[in-house]
Amino acid sequence: MTKYLAKEKYITFKVSTYILALPIDSVFKVVTCPDDLSQTLRATKLAQMGQRTVMLFNLYSYLECNHDRNQQENDHSGRFLIIAQGRIGELYGIQVDAPPNMLSISETSIQPIPQSFHHIGLPTWVSRIAILNQKGEPITILMLDINQAFASKS
């Protein structure tokens, strides 16, 4: 008898040289940002999206610690906005340059990361990673905990 391996769906996206993932059930929507809105969002912490207020989270600033800020803003136009929903309904926006993908990841591919990884600059809101084999190459995906990410900012 074959044992069924549970797979969860995730939205994956690239920030700098990292691939990150959010559980699909925490993603409210993904929208395309017009250039003028993209620049406005980069300079603010809150944005009005229709009737809702979205708190913005600049992952580039966390994952590119040694990167010049002015160069960073020129390199990353933030063409897409992933809007995630926290536990109590608050909305968080993450700007990314390329459209995100949907990926099924099995529970067996996800593992906790050693605490020592945080000493090399990996943010504490990445507590798990998935290691997958795609096209014969291993890839590492950082599993983003959106609630922990915003809890650590306050």
Protein backbone atom coordinates (compact mmCIF):
# COMPACT_ATOMS: atom_id res chain seq x y z
CA MET A 1 0.00 0.00 0.00
CA THR A 2 1.38 3.39 -0.99
CA LYS A 3 1.42 6.05 1.68
CA TYR A 4 -0.12 9.36 0.56
CA LEU A 5 2.26 12.30 0.91
CA ALA A 6 0.45 15.52 1.73
CA LYS A 7 1.34 18.43 -0.50
CA GLU A 8 0.49 22.02 0.27
CA LYS A 9 0.24 24.77 -2.33
CA TYR A 10 2.52 27.79 -2.03
CA ILE A 11 3.06 31.03 -3.91
CA THR A 12 6.78 31.28 -4.68
CA PHE A 13 8.66 34.41 -5.69
CA LYS A 14 12.22 35.62 -6.01
CA VAL A 15 13.77 38.43 -3.98
CA SER A 16 17.42 39.15 -4.69
CA THR A 17 19.05 35.72 -4.99
CA TYR A 18 16.51 34.00 -2.72
CA ILE A 19 13.35 32.10 -3.55
CA LEU A 20 10.63 32.56 -0.94
CA ALA A 21 7.27 30.91 -0.43
CA LEU A 22 3.99 31.82 1.23
CA PRO A 23 1.19 29.31 1.86
CA ILE A 24 -1.54 29.85 -0.74
CA ASP A 25 -4.17 30.21 1.99
CA SER A 26 -2.41 33.32 3.35
CA VAL A 27 -2.31 35.08 -0.05
CA PHE A 28 -5.20 37.51 -0.49
CA LYS A 29 -4.33 38.51 -4.07
CA VAL A 30 -1.53 39.37 -6.48
CA VAL A 31 -1.77 42.61 -8.45
CA THR A 32 0.30 44.34 -11.10
CA CYS A 33 1.69 47.69 -9.96
CA PRO A 34 1.75 50.62 -12.37
CA ASP A 35 5.18 52.34 -12.39
CA ASP A 36 3.98 55.43 -10.52
CA LEU A 37 2.34 53.34 -7.78
CA SER A 38 5.42 51.12 -7.54
CA GLN A 39 7.65 54.13 -6.75
CA THR A 40 5.12 55.49 -4.24
CA LEU A 41 4.89 52.13 -2.46
CA ARG A 42 8.68 51.91 -2.14
CA ALA A 43 8.76 55.17 -0.15
CA THR A 44 5.86 54.40 2.22
CA LYS A 45 4.96 51.85 4.87
CA LEU A 46 1.19 51.91 4.30
CA ALA A 47 -0.87 51.96 1.11
CA GLN A 48 -4.55 52.31 0.41
CA MET A 49 -5.84 49.55 -1.91
CA GLY A 50 -9.51 50.29 -2.51
CA GLN A 51 -11.26 50.20 0.87
CA ARG A 52 -8.38 48.42 2.61
CA THR A 53 -5.10 49.59 4.09
CA VAL A 54 -2.05 47.44 3.34
CA MET A 55 1.16 47.47 5.41
CA LEU A 56 4.16 47.20 3.07
CA PHE A 57 7.11 44.92 3.71
CA ASN A 58 10.35 45.53 1.79
CA LEU A 59 12.04 42.12 1.71
CA TYR A 60 14.94 43.50 -0.33
CA SER A 61 16.07 45.56 2.67
CA TYR A 62 16.20 42.43 4.83
CA LEU A 63 17.80 40.08 2.33
CA GLU A 64 20.32 42.46 0.74
CA CYS A 65 22.02 43.91 3.81
CA ASN A 66 25.20 44.87 1.94
CA HIS A 67 23.43 46.30 -1.09
CA ASP A 68 23.49 50.07 -1.68
CA ARG A 69 19.94 51.41 -1.06
CA ASN A 70 19.93 53.79 -4.05
CA GLN A 71 21.16 51.06 -6.36
CA GLN A 72 18.54 48.72 -4.88
CA GLU A 73 15.70 51.12 -5.67
CA ASN A 74 16.92 51.47 -9.25
CA ASP A 75 17.35 47.72 -9.73
CA HIS A 76 13.96 46.62 -8.37
CA SER A 77 10.92 48.32 -9.78
CA GLY A 78 8.43 46.18 -7.82
CA ARG A 79 6.16 45.42 -10.76
CA PHE A 80 3.94 43.04 -8.77
CA LEU A 81 2.44 43.25 -5.31
CA ILE A 82 1.64 40.11 -3.35
CA ILE A 83 -0.99 40.92 -0.75
CA ALA A 84 -0.95 38.46 2.13
CA GLN A 85 -3.46 38.23 4.95
CA GLY A 86 -2.37 37.74 8.55
CA ARG A 87 -4.11 35.74 11.25
CA ILE A 88 -6.46 38.51 12.33
CA GLY A 89 -7.24 39.82 8.85
CA GLU A 90 -4.59 42.50 8.45
CA LEU A 91 -3.14 42.86 4.94
CA TYR A 92 0.58 42.94 4.11
CA GLY A 93 2.08 43.85 0.76
CA ILE A 94 5.30 42.45 -0.68
CA GLN A 95 6.70 44.00 -3.86
CA VAL A 96 8.35 41.61 -6.31
CA ASP A 97 9.73 42.10 -9.82
CA ALA A 98 8.45 38.97 -11.55
CA PRO A 99 5.06 37.29 -11.37
CA PRO A 100 4.93 34.71 -8.59
CA ASN A 101 4.38 31.02 -9.27
CA MET A 102 2.20 28.43 -7.58
CA LEU A 103 4.03 25.31 -6.44
CA SER A 104 3.00 22.18 -4.55
CA ILE A 105 5.53 21.27 -1.86
CA SER A 106 5.35 18.03 0.11
CA GLU A 107 5.68 18.08 3.88
CA THR A 108 8.72 15.82 3.63
CA SER A 109 10.61 18.49 1.66
CA ILE A 110 10.20 21.06 4.43
CA GLN A 111 12.59 21.15 7.34
CA PRO A 112 13.44 23.53 10.18
CA ILE A 113 16.60 25.55 9.71
CA PRO A 114 19.33 25.50 12.33
CA GLN A 115 19.30 28.49 14.69
CA SER A 116 22.89 29.23 13.64
CA PHE A 117 21.65 30.26 10.16
CA HIS A 118 20.24 33.42 11.74
CA HIS A 119 23.78 34.42 12.79
CA ILE A 120 24.77 34.74 9.12
CA GLY A 121 21.99 37.23 8.44
CA LEU A 122 18.97 35.05 7.63
CA PRO A 123 15.90 36.77 9.14
CA THR A 124 14.20 35.08 12.09
CA TRP A 125 10.87 34.99 10.22
CA VAL A 126 12.37 32.28 8.04
CA SER A 127 12.19 29.27 10.35
CA ARG A 128 11.80 26.56 7.72
CA ILE A 129 13.17 25.77 4.29
CA ALA A 130 12.13 23.46 1.50
CA ILE A 131 14.74 21.70 -0.57
CA LEU A 132 13.42 20.59 -3.95
CA ASN A 133 14.94 19.00 -7.02
CA GLN A 134 13.90 20.86 -10.17
CA LYS A 135 15.33 19.89 -13.55
CA GLY A 136 18.08 17.91 -11.86
CA GLU A 137 19.21 20.87 -9.73
CA PRO A 138 18.55 21.28 -6.00
CA ILE A 139 16.85 24.54 -5.05
CA THR A 140 16.29 25.97 -1.59
CA ILE A 141 13.09 27.84 -0.83
CA LEU A 142 12.78 30.02 2.27
CA MET A 143 9.38 29.51 3.86
CA LEU A 144 8.09 32.96 4.88
CA ASP A 145 5.95 33.27 8.00
CA ILE A 146 4.12 36.55 7.32
CA ASN A 147 2.79 36.83 10.90
CA GLN A 148 6.27 36.39 12.38
CA ALA A 149 7.77 38.83 9.87
CA PHE A 150 5.53 41.67 10.95
CA ALA A 151 5.67 40.73 14.64
CA SER A 152 9.46 41.15 14.50
CA LYS A 153 9.18 44.65 12.99
CA SER A 154 7.26 46.12 15.89
